Amino acid sequence: RELFEAGKIEAAIGKLENLLTAHPDQAQAHNDLGVLYYHSGSKDKTLIHYEQAVRLNPDDLNFQKNLADFYCVELGRIEEALEIYLKVLTEAPTDIETLMAAGYICKAVGRNEDAAIFFERILDLEPWNLEANENLNQLGPIQKESSNFSFRNSIS
């Protein structure tokens, strides 16, 4: 951590790689190495370590969110990211960061009714949240979609 904060990313990567050589089952080290590789621009290695962290410790919500963020932002694997976010929300239904990410994904793919559910949930928890309020206002009047599926029950 000190090396990273000092801007010595390569040295920090080296330390974590050495740690993982001796202890390959350390999920936190895989996650941290994924973060470092992300900052160094190595997407392939980032993905490997984020996925390994989740395999080793599937209950860690931070590891799951890092992987979902990477799937969504860097790889365009939207459905897989949303699936992970929803899993996180079953464990932590008040996680604002995850609610916001799910809302943005739904908004981006045109599922405005579902996006509104996530943004409204944020406003239930944080009525002062300007980002959620602005996104909800951008959606305009919501027309009920024909699908019987709704995320409302998933996040309540």
C-alpha atoms as a PDB file:
ATOM      1  CA  ARG A   1       0.000   0.000   0.000  1.00  0.00           C
ATOM      2  CA  GLU A   2       2.818   2.382   0.868  1.00  0.00           C
ATOM      3  CA  LEU A   3       4.505   1.687  -2.455  1.00  0.00           C
ATOM      4  CA  PHE A   4       1.286   2.349  -4.355  1.00  0.00           C
ATOM      5  CA  GLU A   5       0.640   5.593  -2.481  1.00  0.00           C
ATOM      6  CA  ALA A   6       4.217   6.657  -3.258  1.00  0.00           C
ATOM      7  CA  GLY A   7       3.560   6.056  -6.954  1.00  0.00           C
ATOM      8  CA  LYS A   8       5.788   2.986  -7.113  1.00  0.00           C
ATOM      9  CA  ILE A   9       3.275   0.729  -8.811  1.00  0.00           C
ATOM     10  CA  GLU A  10       5.817  -1.636 -10.379  1.00  0.00           C
ATOM     11  CA  ALA A  11       7.514  -2.201  -7.014  1.00  0.00           C
ATOM     12  CA  ALA A  12       4.128  -2.853  -5.387  1.00  0.00           C
ATOM     13  CA  ILE A  13       3.260  -5.319  -8.162  1.00  0.00           C
ATOM     14  CA  GLY A  14       6.554  -7.120  -7.573  1.00  0.00           C
ATOM     15  CA  LYS A  15       5.894  -7.439  -3.839  1.00  0.00           C
ATOM     16  CA  LEU A  16       2.405  -8.853  -4.394  1.00  0.00           C
ATOM     17  CA  GLU A  17       3.602 -11.244  -7.095  1.00  0.00           C
ATOM     18  CA  ASN A  18       6.217 -12.562  -4.656  1.00  0.00           C
ATOM     19  CA  LEU A  19       3.574 -12.950  -1.966  1.00  0.00           C
ATOM     20  CA  LEU A  20       1.319 -14.870  -4.348  1.00  0.00           C
ATOM     21  CA  THR A  21       4.168 -17.130  -5.414  1.00  0.00           C
ATOM     22  CA  ALA A  22       4.475 -18.233  -1.802  1.00  0.00           C
ATOM     23  CA  HIS A  23       0.748 -18.058  -0.967  1.00  0.00           C
ATOM     24  CA  PRO A  24      -1.347 -18.378  -4.156  1.00  0.00           C
ATOM     25  CA  ASP A  25      -4.601 -18.700  -2.207  1.00  0.00           C
ATOM     26  CA  GLN A  26      -4.562 -15.137  -0.808  1.00  0.00           C
ATOM     27  CA  ALA A  27      -7.719 -13.562  -2.244  1.00  0.00           C
ATOM     28  CA  GLN A  28      -6.928 -10.084  -0.920  1.00  0.00           C
ATOM     29  CA  ALA A  29      -3.520 -10.142  -2.615  1.00  0.00           C
ATOM     30  CA  HIS A  30      -5.145 -11.149  -5.919  1.00  0.00           C
ATOM     31  CA  ASN A  31      -7.653  -8.327  -5.622  1.00  0.00           C
ATOM     32  CA  ASP A  32      -4.956  -5.795  -4.736  1.00  0.00           C
ATOM     33  CA  LEU A  33      -2.789  -7.010  -7.597  1.00  0.00           C
ATOM     34  CA  GLY A  34      -5.769  -6.591  -9.908  1.00  0.00           C
ATOM     35  CA  VAL A  35      -6.094  -2.979  -8.745  1.00  0.00           C
ATOM     36  CA  LEU A  36      -2.397  -2.368  -9.360  1.00  0.00           C
ATOM     37  CA  TYR A  37      -2.485  -3.966 -12.799  1.00  0.00           C
ATOM     38  CA  TYR A  38      -5.515  -1.821 -13.630  1.00  0.00           C
ATOM     39  CA  HIS A  39      -3.573   1.314 -12.703  1.00  0.00           C
ATOM     40  CA  SER A  40      -0.650   0.139 -14.814  1.00  0.00           C
ATOM     41  CA  GLY A  41      -2.923  -0.470 -17.829  1.00  0.00           C
ATOM     42  CA  SER A  42      -2.656  -4.254 -17.952  1.00  0.00           C
ATOM     43  CA  LYS A  43      -6.276  -5.293 -18.518  1.00  0.00           C
ATOM     44  CA  ASP A  44      -5.561  -8.987 -19.112  1.00  0.00           C
ATOM     45  CA  LYS A  45      -3.729  -9.350 -15.808  1.00  0.00           C
ATOM     46  CA  THR A  46      -6.335  -7.230 -14.029  1.00  0.00           C
ATOM     47  CA  LEU A  47      -9.081  -9.587 -15.143  1.00  0.00           C
ATOM     48  CA  ILE A  48      -7.148 -12.699 -14.124  1.00  0.00           C
ATOM     49  CA  HIS A  49      -6.563 -11.420 -10.595  1.00  0.00           C
ATOM     50  CA  TYR A  50     -10.048  -9.986 -10.034  1.00  0.00           C
ATOM     51  CA  GLU A  51     -11.604 -13.280 -11.127  1.00  0.00           C
ATOM     52  CA  GLN A  52      -9.191 -15.262  -8.958  1.00  0.00           C
ATOM     53  CA  ALA A  53      -9.991 -13.098  -5.919  1.00  0.00           C
ATOM     54  CA  VAL A  54     -13.710 -13.801  -6.397  1.00  0.00           C
ATOM     55  CA  ARG A  55     -13.075 -17.530  -6.911  1.00  0.00           C
ATOM     56  CA  LEU A  56     -11.063 -17.704  -3.702  1.00  0.00           C
ATOM     57  CA  ASN A  57     -13.456 -15.578  -1.646  1.00  0.00           C
ATOM     58  CA  PRO A  58     -16.845 -15.327  -3.379  1.00  0.00           C
ATOM     59  CA  ASP A  59     -18.457 -13.718  -0.322  1.00  0.00           C
ATOM     60  CA  ASP A  60     -16.297 -10.592  -0.365  1.00  0.00           C
ATOM     61  CA  LEU A  61     -18.518  -7.827  -1.733  1.00  0.00           C
ATOM     62  CA  ASN A  62     -15.602  -5.556  -2.577  1.00  0.00           C
ATOM     63  CA  PHE A  63     -14.008  -8.232  -4.744  1.00  0.00           C
ATOM     64  CA  GLN A  64     -17.334  -8.796  -6.497  1.00  0.00           C
ATOM     65  CA  LYS A  65     -17.840  -5.073  -7.117  1.00  0.00           C
ATOM     66  CA  ASN A  66     -14.323  -4.674  -8.511  1.00  0.00           C
ATOM     67  CA  LEU A  67     -14.947  -7.530 -10.924  1.00  0.00           C
ATOM     68  CA  ALA A  68     -18.374  -6.199 -11.918  1.00  0.00           C
ATOM     69  CA  ASP A  69     -16.976  -2.702 -12.473  1.00  0.00           C
ATOM     70  CA  PHE A  70     -14.229  -4.135 -14.648  1.00  0.00           C
ATOM     71  CA  TYR A  71     -16.653  -6.280 -16.639  1.00  0.00           C
ATOM     72  CA  CYS A  72     -18.905  -3.303 -17.230  1.00  0.00           C
ATOM     73  CA  VAL A  73     -16.501  -0.439 -17.853  1.00  0.00           C
ATOM     74  CA  GLU A  74     -13.526  -2.144 -19.452  1.00  0.00           C
ATOM     75  CA  LEU A  75     -14.952  -5.207 -21.173  1.00  0.00           C
ATOM     76  CA  GLY A  76     -18.528  -4.198 -21.975  1.00  0.00           C
ATOM     77  CA  ARG A  77     -19.807  -7.399 -20.368  1.00  0.00           C
ATOM     78  CA  ILE A  78     -22.925  -5.612 -19.137  1.00  0.00           C
ATOM     79  CA  GLU A  79     -25.140  -8.589 -18.350  1.00  0.00           C
ATOM     80  CA  GLU A  80     -22.432 -10.321 -16.321  1.00  0.00           C
ATOM     81  CA  ALA A  81     -21.725  -7.103 -14.439  1.00  0.00           C
ATOM     82  CA  LEU A  82     -25.403  -6.576 -13.661  1.00  0.00           C
ATOM     83  CA  GLU A  83     -25.696 -10.160 -12.421  1.00  0.00           C
ATOM     84  CA  ILE A  84     -22.836  -9.557  -9.987  1.00  0.00           C
ATOM     85  CA  TYR A  85     -24.270  -6.216  -8.851  1.00  0.00           C
ATOM     86  CA  LEU A  86     -27.610  -7.871  -8.129  1.00  0.00           C
ATOM     87  CA  LYS A  87     -25.847 -10.569  -6.115  1.00  0.00           C
ATOM     88  CA  VAL A  88     -24.107  -7.846  -4.115  1.00  0.00           C
ATOM     89  CA  LEU A  89     -27.451  -6.135  -3.514  1.00  0.00           C
ATOM     90  CA  THR A  90     -28.953  -9.311  -2.086  1.00  0.00           C
ATOM     91  CA  GLU A  91     -26.218  -9.195   0.559  1.00  0.00           C
ATOM     92  CA  ALA A  92     -26.037  -5.412   0.914  1.00  0.00           C
ATOM     93  CA  PRO A  93     -29.325  -3.870  -0.272  1.00  0.00           C
ATOM     94  CA  THR A  94     -28.309  -0.406   0.933  1.00  0.00           C
ATOM     95  CA  ASP A  95     -24.994  -0.258  -0.948  1.00  0.00           C
ATOM     96  CA  ILE A  96     -25.351   3.096  -2.702  1.00  0.00           C
ATOM     97  CA  GLU A  97     -22.414   2.521  -5.050  1.00  0.00           C
ATOM     98  CA  THR A  98     -23.901  -0.735  -6.314  1.00  0.00           C
ATOM     99  CA  LEU A  99     -27.421   0.673  -6.591  1.00  0.00           C
ATOM    100  CA  MET A 100     -26.017   3.544  -8.659  1.00  0.00           C
ATOM    101  CA  ALA A 101     -24.044   1.202 -10.927  1.00  0.00           C
ATOM    102  CA  ALA A 102     -27.114  -0.976 -11.520  1.00  0.00           C
ATOM    103  CA  GLY A 103     -29.193   2.122 -12.240  1.00  0.00           C
ATOM    104  CA  TYR A 104     -26.679   3.368 -14.775  1.00  0.00           C
ATOM    105  CA  ILE A 105     -26.554   0.005 -16.523  1.00  0.00           C
ATOM    106  CA  CYS A 106     -30.337  -0.203 -16.774  1.00  0.00           C
ATOM    107  CA  LYS A 107     -30.480   3.381 -18.024  1.00  0.00           C
ATOM    108  CA  ALA A 108     -27.788   2.672 -20.641  1.00  0.00           C
ATOM    109  CA  VAL A 109     -29.632  -0.359 -22.034  1.00  0.00           C
ATOM    110  CA  GLY A 110     -32.990   1.412 -22.135  1.00  0.00           C
ATOM    111  CA  ARG A 111     -34.596  -0.304 -19.143  1.00  0.00           C
ATOM    112  CA  ASN A 112     -35.775   2.994 -17.726  1.00  0.00           C
ATOM    113  CA  GLU A 113     -38.366   1.507 -15.382  1.00  0.00           C
ATOM    114  CA  ASP A 114     -35.704  -0.669 -13.780  1.00  0.00           C
ATOM    115  CA  ALA A 115     -33.237   2.220 -13.683  1.00  0.00           C
ATOM    116  CA  ALA A 116     -35.854   4.297 -11.872  1.00  0.00           C
ATOM    117  CA  ILE A 117     -36.234   1.558  -9.250  1.00  0.00           C
ATOM    118  CA  PHE A 118     -32.531   1.722  -8.416  1.00  0.00           C
ATOM    119  CA  PHE A 119     -32.403   5.530  -8.356  1.00  0.00           C
ATOM    120  CA  GLU A 120     -35.569   5.690  -6.222  1.00  0.00           C
ATOM    121  CA  ARG A 121     -34.054   3.205  -3.775  1.00  0.00           C
ATOM    122  CA  ILE A 122     -31.004   5.442  -3.438  1.00  0.00           C
ATOM    123  CA  LEU A 123     -33.260   8.415  -2.741  1.00  0.00           C
ATOM    124  CA  ASP A 124     -35.139   6.391  -0.124  1.00  0.00           C
ATOM    125  CA  LEU A 125     -31.802   5.863   1.622  1.00  0.00           C
ATOM    126  CA  GLU A 126     -30.252   9.264   0.874  1.00  0.00           C
ATOM    127  CA  PRO A 127     -32.904  11.843  -0.029  1.00  0.00           C
ATOM    128  CA  TRP A 128     -30.137  14.398  -0.601  1.00  0.00           C
ATOM    129  CA  ASN A 129     -28.359  12.318  -3.273  1.00  0.00           C
ATOM    130  CA  LEU A 130     -28.184  14.732  -6.201  1.00  0.00           C
ATOM    131  CA  GLU A 131     -26.747  12.198  -8.636  1.00  0.00           C
ATOM    132  CA  ALA A 132     -29.637   9.776  -8.147  1.00  0.00           C
ATOM    133  CA  ASN A 133     -32.155  12.626  -8.310  1.00  0.00           C
ATOM    134  CA  GLU A 134     -30.661  13.982 -11.526  1.00  0.00           C
ATOM    135  CA  ASN A 135     -30.651  10.535 -13.139  1.00  0.00           C
ATOM    136  CA  LEU A 136     -34.236   9.924 -12.107  1.00  0.00           C
ATOM    137  CA  ASN A 137     -35.271  13.281 -13.592  1.00  0.00           C
ATOM    138  CA  GLN A 138     -33.454  12.460 -16.839  1.00  0.00           C
ATOM    139  CA  LEU A 139     -35.559   9.346 -17.223  1.00  0.00           C
ATOM    140  CA  GLY A 140     -38.695  11.449 -17.474  1.00  0.00           C
ATOM    141  CA  PRO A 141     -42.109   9.817 -17.180  1.00  0.00           C
ATOM    142  CA  ILE A 142     -41.712   6.080 -16.841  1.00  0.00           C
ATOM    143  CA  GLN A 143     -43.886   3.835 -18.940  1.00  0.00           C
ATOM    144  CA  LYS A 144     -44.479   0.360 -17.598  1.00  0.00           C
ATOM    145  CA  GLU A 145     -42.560  -2.210 -19.588  1.00  0.00           C
ATOM    146  CA  SER A 146     -44.370  -5.268 -20.881  1.00  0.00           C
ATOM    147  CA  SER A 147     -42.013  -7.665 -19.096  1.00  0.00           C
ATOM    148  CA  ASN A 148     -43.275  -9.307 -15.922  1.00  0.00           C
ATOM    149  CA  PHE A 149     -39.781  -9.120 -14.441  1.00  0.00           C
ATOM    150  CA  SER A 150     -38.857  -6.210 -12.220  1.00  0.00           C
ATOM    151  CA  PHE A 151     -35.809  -5.512 -10.103  1.00  0.00           C
ATOM    152  CA  ARG A 152     -38.022  -3.984  -7.393  1.00  0.00           C
ATOM    153  CA  ASN A 153     -38.296  -7.282  -5.497  1.00  0.00           C
ATOM    154  CA  SER A 154     -34.558  -7.918  -5.837  1.00  0.00           C
ATOM    155  CA  ILE A 155     -33.509  -4.818  -3.929  1.00  0.00           C
ATOM    156  CA  SER A 156     -36.192  -4.310  -1.321  1.00  0.00           C
END
